[in-house]
């Protein structure tokens, strides 16, 4: 029997986000244990010359040198239903997966790397290297997510639209919103709830409410 691929779930909670990861990480751990993921939770940024969000690219790149599958979940997200492994949703020919959200009228659904699943492959590493080199997006409001969008074939202005799908776009699974349920595009049956683009205290209160609910639902 062929052994299961080695998998890791990772995130970073640095500075003011450390408190977020303390709460969300407690929801990551049961999911990781249940589905055979190692857990890599970091408390420091890896790219000190860039906005903190870019450090996810560096962490994912380094872990893909060791693991067959890397699952990134933002520190302001929580696993609320860990019964299913997101890897089961990755199409056999795909190298990565993320959910896409409908947030503004006129925009195409926008892939969101707050939950980001990647499979080890030289094409994945090449894609990540190109994301890292996209320095024109260093201070974009979506940081590395903006670079990911462009490299998948989206234009960002004046509307987010898929205009020239790239080869990596066709190797990407667009997950349902249950894997990255956000307030502006919520899933009716979320597996991961995410609180992006709101003040830190609101993110923390949202995560704590989920953690309390999960504790009370334990048998």
N, C-alpha and C. Protein backbone atom coordinates (compact mmCIF):
# COMPACT_ATOMS: atom_id res chain seq x y z
N UNK A 1 0.85 -1.19 0.00
CA UNK A 1 0.00 0.00 0.00
C UNK A 1 0.88 1.25 0.00
N UNK A 2 0.54 2.20 -0.85
CA UNK A 2 1.31 3.45 -0.91
C UNK A 2 0.94 4.31 0.28
N UNK A 3 1.92 4.83 0.98
CA UNK A 3 1.64 5.66 2.15
C UNK A 3 1.04 6.99 1.72
N UNK A 4 0.26 7.59 2.60
CA UNK A 4 -0.36 8.88 2.32
C UNK A 4 0.72 9.95 2.19
N UNK A 5 0.47 10.94 1.34
CA UNK A 5 1.46 12.01 1.21
C UNK A 5 1.61 12.78 2.51
N UNK A 6 2.79 13.26 2.74
CA UNK A 6 3.04 14.05 3.94
C UNK A 6 2.40 15.41 3.78
N UNK A 7 1.71 15.84 4.80
CA UNK A 7 0.92 17.06 4.73
C UNK A 7 1.24 17.95 5.94
N UNK A 8 1.12 19.26 5.73
CA UNK A 8 1.32 20.20 6.83
C UNK A 8 0.31 21.34 6.70
N UNK A 9 -0.23 21.75 7.84
CA UNK A 9 -1.09 22.92 7.94
C UNK A 9 -0.27 24.01 8.59
N UNK A 10 -0.24 25.20 7.98
CA UNK A 10 0.62 26.25 8.49
C UNK A 10 -0.10 27.59 8.58
N UNK A 11 0.45 28.46 9.42
CA UNK A 11 -0.05 29.83 9.54
C UNK A 11 0.99 30.65 10.28
N UNK A 12 0.81 31.96 10.23
CA UNK A 12 1.70 32.89 10.94
C UNK A 12 0.83 33.89 11.71
N UNK A 13 1.17 34.09 12.96
CA UNK A 13 0.52 35.12 13.76
C UNK A 13 1.58 35.94 14.46
N UNK A 14 1.99 37.03 13.84
CA UNK A 14 3.08 37.85 14.37
C UNK A 14 2.54 39.15 14.93
N UNK A 15 3.23 39.68 15.92
CA UNK A 15 2.84 40.98 16.49
C UNK A 15 1.41 40.95 16.98
N UNK A 16 0.60 41.92 16.53
CA UNK A 16 -0.78 41.98 17.00
C UNK A 16 -1.63 40.79 16.56
N UNK A 17 -1.15 40.03 15.58
CA UNK A 17 -1.90 38.86 15.13
C UNK A 17 -1.60 37.61 15.95
N UNK A 18 -0.67 37.70 16.89
CA UNK A 18 -0.33 36.54 17.71
C UNK A 18 -1.54 36.08 18.52
N UNK A 19 -2.33 37.03 19.01
CA UNK A 19 -3.51 36.67 19.80
C UNK A 19 -4.56 35.98 18.93
N UNK A 20 -4.64 36.40 17.66
CA UNK A 20 -5.55 35.73 16.74
C UNK A 20 -5.16 34.27 16.58
N UNK A 21 -3.88 34.02 16.35
CA UNK A 21 -3.42 32.65 16.10
C UNK A 21 -3.54 31.78 17.35
N UNK A 22 -3.44 32.41 18.51
CA UNK A 22 -3.63 31.64 19.74
C UNK A 22 -5.03 31.04 19.79
N UNK A 23 -6.01 31.80 19.32
CA UNK A 23 -7.40 31.31 19.32
C UNK A 23 -7.64 30.40 18.13
N UNK A 24 -7.26 30.85 16.93
CA UNK A 24 -7.56 30.06 15.73
C UNK A 24 -6.75 28.76 15.71
N UNK A 25 -5.52 28.82 16.21
CA UNK A 25 -4.68 27.63 16.20
C UNK A 25 -5.30 26.47 16.98
N UNK A 26 -6.08 26.80 17.99
CA UNK A 26 -6.76 25.74 18.76
C UNK A 26 -7.82 25.04 17.93
N UNK A 27 -8.30 25.69 16.86
CA UNK A 27 -9.25 25.01 15.95
C UNK A 27 -8.51 24.30 14.83
N UNK A 28 -7.29 24.73 14.52
CA UNK A 28 -6.50 24.04 13.50
C UNK A 28 -6.03 22.67 13.99
N UNK A 29 -5.67 22.59 15.27
CA UNK A 29 -5.03 21.39 15.80
C UNK A 29 -5.90 20.14 15.66
N UNK A 30 -7.18 20.16 16.04
CA UNK A 30 -7.99 18.94 15.87
C UNK A 30 -8.13 18.52 14.40
N UNK A 31 -8.28 19.52 13.51
CA UNK A 31 -8.36 19.21 12.08
C UNK A 31 -7.08 18.52 11.63
N UNK A 32 -5.93 19.08 12.02
CA UNK A 32 -4.65 18.52 11.61
C UNK A 32 -4.49 17.09 12.12
N UNK A 33 -4.82 16.87 13.38
CA UNK A 33 -4.70 15.54 13.96
C UNK A 33 -5.62 14.54 13.25
N UNK A 34 -6.85 14.95 13.01
CA UNK A 34 -7.84 14.05 12.42
C UNK A 34 -7.46 13.63 11.00
N UNK A 35 -6.84 14.55 10.24
CA UNK A 35 -6.56 14.27 8.83
C UNK A 35 -5.07 14.04 8.54
N UNK A 36 -4.26 13.94 9.56
CA UNK A 36 -2.87 13.55 9.36
C UNK A 36 -1.95 14.66 8.89
N UNK A 37 -2.24 15.90 9.25
CA UNK A 37 -1.37 17.02 8.93
C UNK A 37 -0.42 17.29 10.09
N UNK A 38 0.83 17.58 9.78
CA UNK A 38 1.69 18.23 10.75
C UNK A 38 1.19 19.66 10.92
N UNK A 39 1.57 20.29 12.01
CA UNK A 39 1.13 21.65 12.29
C UNK A 39 2.36 22.54 12.41
N UNK A 40 2.38 23.63 11.64
CA UNK A 40 3.49 24.58 11.66
C UNK A 40 2.92 25.98 11.85
N UNK A 41 2.89 26.44 13.10
CA UNK A 41 2.37 27.76 13.43
C UNK A 41 3.52 28.64 13.88
N UNK A 42 3.73 29.72 13.17
CA UNK A 42 4.88 30.59 13.43
C UNK A 42 4.44 31.90 14.05
N UNK A 43 5.31 32.44 14.90
CA UNK A 43 4.98 33.68 15.60
C UNK A 43 5.80 34.86 15.14
N UNK A 44 6.47 34.73 13.98
CA UNK A 44 7.29 35.84 13.50
C UNK A 44 7.18 35.94 11.99
N UNK A 45 7.33 37.16 11.48
CA UNK A 45 7.32 37.33 10.03
C UNK A 45 8.65 36.81 9.48
N UNK A 46 8.62 36.34 8.25
CA UNK A 46 9.81 35.78 7.62
C UNK A 46 10.45 36.75 6.65
N UNK A 47 9.71 37.76 6.25
CA UNK A 47 10.21 38.75 5.28
C UNK A 47 10.05 40.13 5.92
N UNK A 48 11.06 40.56 6.65
CA UNK A 48 10.93 41.79 7.44
C UNK A 48 10.94 43.06 6.60
N UNK A 49 11.32 42.94 5.33
CA UNK A 49 11.34 44.11 4.46
C UNK A 49 10.06 44.25 3.64
N UNK A 50 9.05 43.42 3.97
CA UNK A 50 7.78 43.47 3.25
C UNK A 50 6.63 43.48 4.26
N UNK A 51 5.43 43.92 3.82
CA UNK A 51 4.27 43.76 4.69
C UNK A 51 4.11 42.31 5.12
N UNK A 52 3.58 42.11 6.33
CA UNK A 52 3.59 40.78 6.96
C UNK A 52 2.91 39.72 6.12
N UNK A 53 1.88 40.08 5.35
CA UNK A 53 1.13 39.08 4.60
C UNK A 53 2.01 38.33 3.60
N UNK A 54 3.08 38.98 3.12
CA UNK A 54 3.97 38.32 2.16
C UNK A 54 4.73 37.14 2.75
N UNK A 55 4.83 37.09 4.08
CA UNK A 55 5.58 36.00 4.70
C UNK A 55 4.95 34.65 4.43
N UNK A 56 3.64 34.63 4.14
CA UNK A 56 3.01 33.34 3.84
C UNK A 56 3.64 32.70 2.60
N UNK A 57 4.04 33.53 1.64
CA UNK A 57 4.65 32.99 0.42
C UNK A 57 5.97 32.30 0.77
N UNK A 58 6.76 32.94 1.59
CA UNK A 58 8.04 32.35 1.98
C UNK A 58 7.86 31.07 2.78
N UNK A 59 6.89 31.07 3.69
CA UNK A 59 6.67 29.87 4.50
C UNK A 59 6.19 28.71 3.63
N UNK A 60 5.24 28.98 2.76
CA UNK A 60 4.73 27.93 1.88
C UNK A 60 5.83 27.39 0.98
N UNK A 61 6.65 28.27 0.42
CA UNK A 61 7.74 27.81 -0.45
C UNK A 61 8.69 26.89 0.30
N UNK A 62 9.03 27.26 1.53
CA UNK A 62 9.97 26.44 2.29
C UNK A 62 9.36 25.10 2.67
N UNK A 63 8.09 25.08 3.02
CA UNK A 63 7.46 23.82 3.43
C UNK A 63 7.25 22.88 2.24
N UNK A 64 7.05 23.42 1.05
CA UNK A 64 6.87 22.57 -0.13
C UNK A 64 8.17 21.85 -0.52
N UNK A 65 9.27 22.25 0.07
CA UNK A 65 10.51 21.51 -0.16
C UNK A 65 10.55 20.24 0.68
N UNK A 66 9.66 20.16 1.67
CA UNK A 66 9.66 19.04 2.61
C UNK A 66 8.41 18.19 2.49
N UNK A 67 7.27 18.85 2.29
CA UNK A 67 5.98 18.17 2.30
C UNK A 67 5.40 18.05 0.90
N UNK A 68 4.56 17.03 0.73
CA UNK A 68 3.85 16.85 -0.54
C UNK A 68 2.69 17.84 -0.68
N UNK A 69 2.08 18.19 0.43
CA UNK A 69 0.91 19.07 0.44
C UNK A 69 1.06 20.08 1.56
N UNK A 70 0.80 21.34 1.24
CA UNK A 70 0.82 22.40 2.23
C UNK A 70 -0.54 23.09 2.23
N UNK A 71 -1.12 23.22 3.42
CA UNK A 71 -2.37 23.94 3.59
C UNK A 71 -2.10 25.16 4.45
N UNK A 72 -2.31 26.34 3.87
CA UNK A 72 -2.19 27.59 4.62
C UNK A 72 -3.58 28.05 5.03
N UNK A 73 -3.74 28.47 6.30
CA UNK A 73 -4.97 29.11 6.77
C UNK A 73 -4.57 30.38 7.52
N UNK A 74 -5.16 31.50 7.14
CA UNK A 74 -4.85 32.77 7.81
C UNK A 74 -5.13 32.69 9.30
N UNK A 75 -4.39 33.49 10.06
CA UNK A 75 -4.55 33.48 11.52
C UNK A 75 -5.91 34.00 11.96
N UNK A 76 -6.61 34.75 11.09
CA UNK A 76 -7.93 35.26 11.46
C UNK A 76 -9.05 34.40 10.88
N UNK A 77 -8.77 33.10 10.77
CA UNK A 77 -9.76 32.13 10.31
C UNK A 77 -9.82 30.98 11.31
N UNK A 78 -10.94 30.27 11.33
CA UNK A 78 -11.11 29.16 12.27
C UNK A 78 -11.79 28.00 11.56
N UNK A 79 -11.34 26.79 11.89
CA UNK A 79 -11.98 25.58 11.37
C UNK A 79 -13.20 25.30 12.25
N UNK A 80 -14.37 25.34 11.64
CA UNK A 80 -15.60 25.11 12.40
C UNK A 80 -16.19 23.73 12.16
N UNK A 81 -15.81 23.09 11.06
CA UNK A 81 -16.23 21.73 10.76
C UNK A 81 -15.06 21.00 10.13
N UNK A 82 -14.40 20.21 10.92
CA UNK A 82 -13.19 19.52 10.46
C UNK A 82 -13.43 18.10 10.02
N UNK A 83 -14.66 17.75 9.70
CA UNK A 83 -14.97 16.36 9.38
C UNK A 83 -14.45 15.92 8.03
N UNK A 84 -14.21 16.87 7.12
CA UNK A 84 -13.75 16.56 5.77
C UNK A 84 -12.40 17.22 5.52
N UNK A 85 -11.51 16.50 4.86
CA UNK A 85 -10.20 17.04 4.50
C UNK A 85 -10.33 17.86 3.21
N UNK A 86 -9.87 19.09 3.23
CA UNK A 86 -9.93 19.92 2.03
C UNK A 86 -9.15 19.29 0.87
N UNK A 87 -8.18 18.45 1.17
CA UNK A 87 -7.43 17.78 0.11
C UNK A 87 -8.35 16.92 -0.76
N UNK A 88 -9.45 16.45 -0.18
CA UNK A 88 -10.40 15.64 -0.96
C UNK A 88 -11.07 16.47 -2.05
N UNK A 89 -11.07 17.80 -1.90
CA UNK A 89 -11.69 18.68 -2.89
C UNK A 89 -10.73 19.08 -4.00
N UNK A 90 -9.45 18.77 -3.84
CA UNK A 90 -8.45 19.14 -4.86
C UNK A 90 -8.56 18.19 -6.04
N UNK A 91 -8.84 18.72 -7.21
CA UNK A 91 -8.96 17.88 -8.39
C UNK A 91 -7.62 17.22 -8.69
N UNK A 92 -7.65 15.98 -9.21
CA UNK A 92 -6.40 15.23 -9.42
C UNK A 92 -5.36 15.97 -10.25
N UNK A 93 -5.79 16.78 -11.22
CA UNK A 93 -4.83 17.47 -12.08
C UNK A 93 -4.40 18.82 -11.53
N UNK A 94 -4.99 19.24 -10.39
CA UNK A 94 -4.72 20.58 -9.86
C UNK A 94 -3.47 20.59 -8.99
N UNK A 95 -2.80 21.73 -8.99
CA UNK A 95 -1.62 21.94 -8.15
C UNK A 95 -1.92 22.82 -6.96
N UNK A 96 -3.03 23.55 -6.99
CA UNK A 96 -3.41 24.35 -5.83
C UNK A 96 -4.91 24.59 -5.85
N UNK A 97 -5.42 25.06 -4.70
CA UNK A 97 -6.85 25.30 -4.57
C UNK A 97 -7.07 26.48 -3.64
N UNK A 98 -8.07 27.29 -3.98
CA UNK A 98 -8.54 28.38 -3.12
C UNK A 98 -10.00 28.66 -3.44
N UNK A 99 -10.70 29.24 -2.49
CA UNK A 99 -12.09 29.61 -2.72
C UNK A 99 -12.14 30.94 -3.47
N UNK A 100 -13.22 31.14 -4.22
CA UNK A 100 -13.43 32.40 -4.94
C UNK A 100 -14.74 33.02 -4.45
N UNK A 101 -14.69 34.34 -4.21
CA UNK A 101 -15.82 35.04 -3.61
C UNK A 101 -16.44 36.07 -4.54
N UNK A 102 -17.76 36.16 -4.49
CA UNK A 102 -18.48 37.22 -5.16
C UNK A 102 -18.72 38.33 -4.13
N UNK A 103 -18.06 39.46 -4.32
CA UNK A 103 -18.12 40.52 -3.31
C UNK A 103 -18.65 41.83 -3.86
N UNK A 104 -18.40 42.13 -5.13
CA UNK A 104 -18.84 43.38 -5.72
C UNK A 104 -19.54 43.11 -7.04
N UNK A 105 -20.63 43.83 -7.27
CA UNK A 105 -21.34 43.68 -8.53
C UNK A 105 -20.43 44.09 -9.68
N UNK A 106 -20.36 43.25 -10.67
CA UNK A 106 -19.51 43.53 -11.83
C UNK A 106 -18.18 42.82 -11.79
N UNK A 107 -17.75 42.38 -10.59
CA UNK A 107 -16.51 41.62 -10.49
C UNK A 107 -16.77 40.15 -10.74
N UNK A 108 -15.79 39.45 -11.32
CA UNK A 108 -15.82 38.01 -11.33
C UNK A 108 -15.55 37.51 -9.90
N UNK A 109 -15.96 36.28 -9.57
CA UNK A 109 -15.58 35.74 -8.26
C UNK A 109 -14.06 35.82 -8.07
N UNK A 110 -13.65 36.28 -6.89
CA UNK A 110 -12.25 36.60 -6.63
C UNK A 110 -11.60 35.51 -5.77
N UNK A 111 -10.60 34.79 -6.29
CA UNK A 111 -9.89 33.83 -5.46
C UNK A 111 -9.24 34.50 -4.25
N UNK A 112 -9.33 33.85 -3.11
CA UNK A 112 -8.87 34.40 -1.84
C UNK A 112 -7.89 33.42 -1.21
N UNK A 113 -6.64 33.85 -1.04
CA UNK A 113 -5.59 32.97 -0.52
C UNK A 113 -5.56 32.90 0.99
N UNK A 114 -6.64 33.31 1.66
CA UNK A 114 -6.72 33.13 3.11
C UNK A 114 -6.74 31.68 3.51
N UNK A 115 -7.28 30.84 2.63
CA UNK A 115 -7.18 29.39 2.74
C UNK A 115 -6.62 28.92 1.40
N UNK A 116 -5.44 28.30 1.45
CA UNK A 116 -4.67 28.07 0.23
C UNK A 116 -4.02 26.70 0.32
N UNK A 117 -4.41 25.81 -0.57
CA UNK A 117 -3.89 24.45 -0.58
C UNK A 117 -2.97 24.28 -1.79
N UNK A 118 -1.79 23.75 -1.57
CA UNK A 118 -0.81 23.61 -2.65
C UNK A 118 -0.18 22.23 -2.63
N UNK A 119 0.05 21.70 -3.83
CA UNK A 119 0.70 20.41 -4.01
C UNK A 119 2.13 20.63 -4.50
N UNK A 120 3.07 19.84 -3.99
CA UNK A 120 4.47 20.01 -4.39
C UNK A 120 4.66 19.62 -5.85
N UNK A 121 5.27 20.54 -6.60
CA UNK A 121 5.54 20.32 -8.02
C UNK A 121 6.45 21.46 -8.46
N UNK A 122 7.27 21.23 -9.44
CA UNK A 122 8.17 22.31 -9.88
C UNK A 122 7.37 23.48 -10.44
N UNK A 123 6.21 23.21 -11.01
CA UNK A 123 5.39 24.31 -11.52
C UNK A 123 4.80 25.14 -10.38
N UNK A 124 4.49 24.49 -9.27
CA UNK A 124 4.02 25.24 -8.11
C UNK A 124 5.12 26.15 -7.58
N UNK A 125 6.33 25.62 -7.46
CA UNK A 125 7.44 26.44 -6.98
C UNK A 125 7.75 27.58 -7.95
N UNK A 126 7.66 27.33 -9.22
CA UNK A 126 7.89 28.40 -10.19
C UNK A 126 6.81 29.48 -10.05
N UNK A 127 5.58 29.07 -9.87
CA UNK A 127 4.50 30.04 -9.67
C UNK A 127 4.75 30.89 -8.42
N UNK A 128 5.14 30.25 -7.32
CA UNK A 128 5.40 30.98 -6.08
C UNK A 128 6.58 31.93 -6.23
N UNK A 129 7.59 31.51 -6.98
CA UNK A 129 8.72 32.41 -7.23
C UNK A 129 8.27 33.64 -8.00
N UNK A 130 7.37 33.46 -8.94
CA UNK A 130 6.85 34.59 -9.71
C UNK A 130 5.99 35.49 -8.83
N UNK A 131 5.22 34.90 -7.93
CA UNK A 131 4.45 35.70 -6.97
C UNK A 131 5.41 36.57 -6.15
N UNK A 132 6.48 35.96 -5.68
CA UNK A 132 7.45 36.67 -4.84
C UNK A 132 8.12 37.82 -5.60
N UNK A 133 8.32 37.63 -6.88
CA UNK A 133 8.98 38.66 -7.68
C UNK A 133 8.01 39.78 -8.11
N UNK A 134 6.74 39.65 -7.79
CA UNK A 134 5.74 40.65 -8.21
C UNK A 134 5.76 41.84 -7.27
N UNK A 135 6.87 42.55 -7.25
CA UNK A 135 7.07 43.63 -6.28
C UNK A 135 6.18 44.84 -6.54
N UNK A 136 5.57 44.89 -7.70
CA UNK A 136 4.63 45.98 -7.94
C UNK A 136 3.42 45.91 -7.05
N UNK A 137 3.21 44.75 -6.43
CA UNK A 137 2.06 44.58 -5.54
C UNK A 137 2.45 44.57 -4.06
N UNK A 138 3.69 44.94 -3.75
CA UNK A 138 4.13 44.88 -2.35
C UNK A 138 3.18 45.56 -1.40
N UNK A 139 2.67 46.73 -1.79
CA UNK A 139 1.82 47.51 -0.91
C UNK A 139 0.39 47.64 -1.44
N UNK A 140 0.03 46.78 -2.34
CA UNK A 140 -1.36 46.71 -2.80
C UNK A 140 -2.25 46.32 -1.61
N UNK A 141 -3.50 46.73 -1.62
CA UNK A 141 -4.39 46.43 -0.50
C UNK A 141 -4.57 44.92 -0.29
N UNK A 142 -4.32 44.11 -1.36
CA UNK A 142 -4.42 42.66 -1.23
C UNK A 142 -3.05 41.99 -1.21
N UNK A 143 -1.96 42.75 -1.21
CA UNK A 143 -0.61 42.21 -1.11
C UNK A 143 -0.37 41.05 -2.07
N UNK A 144 0.08 39.91 -1.53
CA UNK A 144 0.42 38.77 -2.39
C UNK A 144 -0.80 38.21 -3.11
N UNK A 145 -1.99 38.40 -2.55
CA UNK A 145 -3.19 37.90 -3.23
C UNK A 145 -3.39 38.60 -4.57
N UNK A 146 -3.02 39.88 -4.63
CA UNK A 146 -3.11 40.61 -5.90
C UNK A 146 -2.16 40.00 -6.93
N UNK A 147 -0.95 39.65 -6.51
CA UNK A 147 0.00 39.02 -7.42
C UNK A 147 -0.51 37.66 -7.89
N UNK A 148 -1.09 36.89 -6.97
CA UNK A 148 -1.66 35.59 -7.35
C UNK A 148 -2.72 35.77 -8.42
N UNK A 149 -3.60 36.75 -8.22
CA UNK A 149 -4.67 36.99 -9.19
C UNK A 149 -4.10 37.31 -10.57
N UNK A 150 -3.13 38.21 -10.62
CA UNK A 150 -2.57 38.57 -11.92
C UNK A 150 -1.94 37.35 -12.59
N UNK A 151 -1.25 36.52 -11.82
CA UNK A 151 -0.55 35.38 -12.39
C UNK A 151 -1.50 34.24 -12.76
N UNK A 152 -2.74 34.32 -12.29
CA UNK A 152 -3.77 33.38 -12.74
C UNK A 152 -4.49 33.88 -13.98
N UNK A 153 -4.31 35.18 -14.28
CA UNK A 153 -4.91 35.73 -15.49
C UNK A 153 -6.00 36.75 -15.26
N UNK A 154 -6.07 37.30 -14.05
CA UNK A 154 -7.07 38.31 -13.75
C UNK A 154 -6.51 39.71 -13.96
N UNK A 155 -7.37 40.64 -14.36
CA UNK A 155 -7.04 42.05 -14.26
C UNK A 155 -7.73 42.58 -13.01
N UNK A 156 -7.11 43.58 -12.37
CA UNK A 156 -7.62 44.08 -11.10
C UNK A 156 -8.34 45.40 -11.23
N UNK A 157 -8.06 46.15 -12.29
CA UNK A 157 -8.69 47.46 -12.50
C UNK A 157 -9.25 47.54 -13.90
N UNK A 158 -10.41 48.17 -14.08
CA UNK A 158 -11.23 48.83 -13.04
C UNK A 158 -12.08 47.84 -12.25
N UNK A 159 -12.22 46.63 -12.78
CA UNK A 159 -12.94 45.56 -12.09
C UNK A 159 -12.06 44.32 -12.08
N UNK A 160 -12.32 43.45 -11.12
CA UNK A 160 -11.61 42.17 -11.10
C UNK A 160 -12.29 41.25 -12.09
N UNK A 161 -11.55 40.90 -13.16
CA UNK A 161 -12.10 40.05 -14.21
C UNK A 161 -11.05 39.07 -14.68
N UNK A 162 -11.48 37.85 -14.94
CA UNK A 162 -10.59 36.86 -15.54
C UNK A 162 -10.54 37.13 -17.04
N UNK A 163 -9.40 37.62 -17.51
CA UNK A 163 -9.31 38.05 -18.91
C UNK A 163 -8.38 37.17 -19.75
N UNK A 164 -7.40 36.54 -19.12
CA UNK A 164 -6.44 35.73 -19.88
C UNK A 164 -5.97 34.56 -19.01
N UNK A 165 -6.82 33.55 -18.84
CA UNK A 165 -6.45 32.42 -17.97
C UNK A 165 -5.08 31.85 -18.34
N UNK A 166 -4.26 31.69 -17.33
CA UNK A 166 -2.90 31.18 -17.52
C UNK A 166 -2.88 29.66 -17.31
N UNK A 167 -1.77 29.01 -17.67
CA UNK A 167 -1.69 27.57 -17.42
C UNK A 167 -1.94 27.21 -15.96
N UNK A 168 -1.47 28.04 -15.00
CA UNK A 168 -1.71 27.71 -13.60
C UNK A 168 -3.18 27.84 -13.23
N UNK A 169 -3.89 28.74 -13.90
CA UNK A 169 -5.33 28.83 -13.64
C UNK A 169 -6.00 27.48 -13.92
N UNK A 170 -5.58 26.83 -14.98
CA UNK A 170 -6.19 25.55 -15.35
C UNK A 170 -5.68 24.40 -14.48
N UNK A 171 -4.70 24.68 -13.61
CA UNK A 171 -4.24 23.68 -12.64
C UNK A 171 -4.67 24.06 -11.23
N UNK A 172 -5.69 24.93 -11.14
CA UNK A 172 -6.19 25.42 -9.85
C UNK A 172 -7.64 25.01 -9.66
N UNK A 173 -7.93 24.43 -8.51
CA UNK A 173 -9.31 24.12 -8.14
C UNK A 173 -9.90 25.32 -7.41
N UNK A 174 -11.04 25.79 -7.87
CA UNK A 174 -11.75 26.86 -7.16
C UNK A 174 -12.73 26.20 -6.19
N UNK A 175 -12.42 26.32 -4.92
CA UNK A 175 -13.19 25.67 -3.87
C UNK A 175 -14.50 26.40 -3.63
N UNK A 176 -15.46 25.69 -3.05
CA UNK A 176 -16.67 26.34 -2.59
C UNK A 176 -16.40 27.24 -1.41
N UNK A 177 -17.30 28.19 -1.19
CA UNK A 177 -17.08 29.17 -0.11
C UNK A 177 -17.15 28.53 1.28
N UNK A 178 -17.61 27.29 1.37
CA UNK A 178 -17.60 26.65 2.69
C UNK A 178 -16.18 26.51 3.23
N UNK A 179 -15.20 26.51 2.32
CA UNK A 179 -13.81 26.38 2.76
C UNK A 179 -13.18 27.71 3.13
N UNK A 180 -13.87 28.80 2.89
CA UNK A 180 -13.35 30.13 3.27
C UNK A 180 -14.54 31.08 3.33
N UNK A 181 -15.37 30.88 4.33
CA UNK A 181 -16.60 31.66 4.48
C UNK A 181 -16.26 33.02 5.09
N UNK A 182 -16.54 34.09 4.37
CA UNK A 182 -16.23 35.44 4.85
C UNK A 182 -17.53 36.23 5.03
N UNK A 183 -17.53 37.28 5.86
CA UNK A 183 -18.77 38.00 6.16
C UNK A 183 -19.49 38.55 4.93
N UNK A 184 -18.75 38.99 3.90
CA UNK A 184 -19.42 39.58 2.74
C UNK A 184 -19.88 38.52 1.74
N UNK A 185 -19.47 37.27 1.92
CA UNK A 185 -19.91 36.19 1.05
C UNK A 185 -19.94 34.90 1.87
N UNK A 186 -20.88 34.83 2.82
CA UNK A 186 -20.86 33.70 3.75
C UNK A 186 -21.42 32.42 3.14
N UNK A 187 -20.91 31.31 3.62
CA UNK A 187 -21.44 30.01 3.24
C UNK A 187 -22.54 29.61 4.22
N UNK A 188 -23.61 28.96 3.73
CA UNK A 188 -24.64 28.50 4.65
C UNK A 188 -24.19 27.33 5.52
N UNK A 189 -23.12 26.66 5.10
CA UNK A 189 -22.61 25.52 5.86
C UNK A 189 -21.09 25.57 5.87
N UNK A 190 -20.51 26.51 6.60
CA UNK A 190 -19.05 26.71 6.52
C UNK A 190 -18.26 25.59 7.17
N UNK A 191 -17.10 25.35 6.60
CA UNK A 191 -16.11 24.48 7.22
C UNK A 191 -14.99 25.32 7.84
N UNK A 192 -14.68 26.45 7.20
CA UNK A 192 -13.72 27.41 7.74
C UNK A 192 -14.36 28.78 7.67
N UNK A 193 -14.37 29.49 8.79
CA UNK A 193 -14.87 30.87 8.85
C UNK A 193 -13.68 31.82 8.94
N UNK A 194 -13.73 32.89 8.17
CA UNK A 194 -12.60 33.80 8.01
C UNK A 194 -13.11 35.23 8.20
N UNK A 195 -12.30 36.06 8.86
CA UNK A 195 -12.70 37.42 9.17
C UNK A 195 -11.72 38.44 8.60
N UNK A 196 -11.59 38.54 7.28
CA UNK A 196 -10.65 39.50 6.69
C UNK A 196 -11.26 40.89 6.61
N UNK A 197 -10.37 41.88 6.47
CA UNK A 197 -10.76 43.25 6.14
C UNK A 197 -11.70 43.88 7.16
N UNK A 198 -11.56 43.49 8.44
CA UNK A 198 -12.28 44.16 9.52
C UNK A 198 -11.27 44.47 10.63
N UNK A 199 -11.60 45.41 11.53
CA UNK A 199 -10.65 45.74 12.60
C UNK A 199 -10.25 44.53 13.42
N UNK A 200 -9.05 44.61 13.99
CA UNK A 200 -8.48 43.48 14.72
C UNK A 200 -9.38 43.01 15.85
N UNK A 201 -10.00 43.94 16.56
CA UNK A 201 -10.84 43.53 17.69
C UNK A 201 -12.06 42.75 17.22
N UNK A 202 -12.58 43.08 16.05
CA UNK A 202 -13.71 42.34 15.50
C UNK A 202 -13.29 40.94 15.06
N UNK A 203 -12.09 40.83 14.51
CA UNK A 203 -11.59 39.51 14.14
C UNK A 203 -11.45 38.63 15.39
N UNK A 204 -10.89 39.21 16.43
CA UNK A 204 -10.66 38.45 17.65
C UNK A 204 -11.98 38.04 18.29
N UNK A 205 -12.94 38.94 18.32
CA UNK A 205 -14.23 38.60 18.93
C UNK A 205 -14.94 37.52 18.12
N UNK A 206 -14.82 37.59 16.79
CA UNK A 206 -15.41 36.55 15.95
C UNK A 206 -14.79 35.19 16.19
N UNK A 207 -13.47 35.15 16.28
CA UNK A 207 -12.78 33.89 16.54
C UNK A 207 -13.13 33.34 17.92
N UNK A 208 -13.19 34.22 18.92
CA UNK A 208 -13.52 33.76 20.27
C UNK A 208 -14.94 33.21 20.34
N UNK A 209 -15.86 33.84 19.62
CA UNK A 209 -17.24 33.35 19.61
C UNK A 209 -17.30 31.94 19.01
N UNK A 210 -16.53 31.71 17.94
CA UNK A 210 -16.48 30.38 17.33
C UNK A 210 -15.87 29.37 18.29
N UNK A 211 -14.76 29.78 18.93
CA UNK A 211 -14.10 28.87 19.86
C UNK A 211 -15.03 28.48 21.01
N UNK A 212 -15.79 29.44 21.52
CA UNK A 212 -16.74 29.14 22.60
C UNK A 212 -17.82 28.19 22.11
N UNK A 213 -18.32 28.44 20.91
CA UNK A 213 -19.36 27.57 20.34
C UNK A 213 -18.85 26.15 20.16
N UNK A 214 -17.62 26.02 19.68
CA UNK A 214 -17.04 24.69 19.49
C UNK A 214 -16.86 23.97 20.81
N UNK A 215 -16.42 24.69 21.84
CA UNK A 215 -16.25 24.07 23.16
C UNK A 215 -17.58 23.55 23.70
N UNK A 216 -18.63 24.35 23.53
CA UNK A 216 -19.94 23.96 24.05
C UNK A 216 -20.58 22.83 23.27
N UNK A 217 -20.10 22.61 22.02
CA UNK A 217 -20.67 21.55 21.20
C UNK A 217 -19.93 20.23 21.37
N UNK A 218 -18.83 20.25 22.11
CA UNK A 218 -18.06 19.03 22.32
C UNK A 218 -18.88 18.04 23.15
N UNK A 219 -18.81 16.75 22.79
CA UNK A 219 -19.58 15.75 23.56
C UNK A 219 -19.03 15.58 24.96
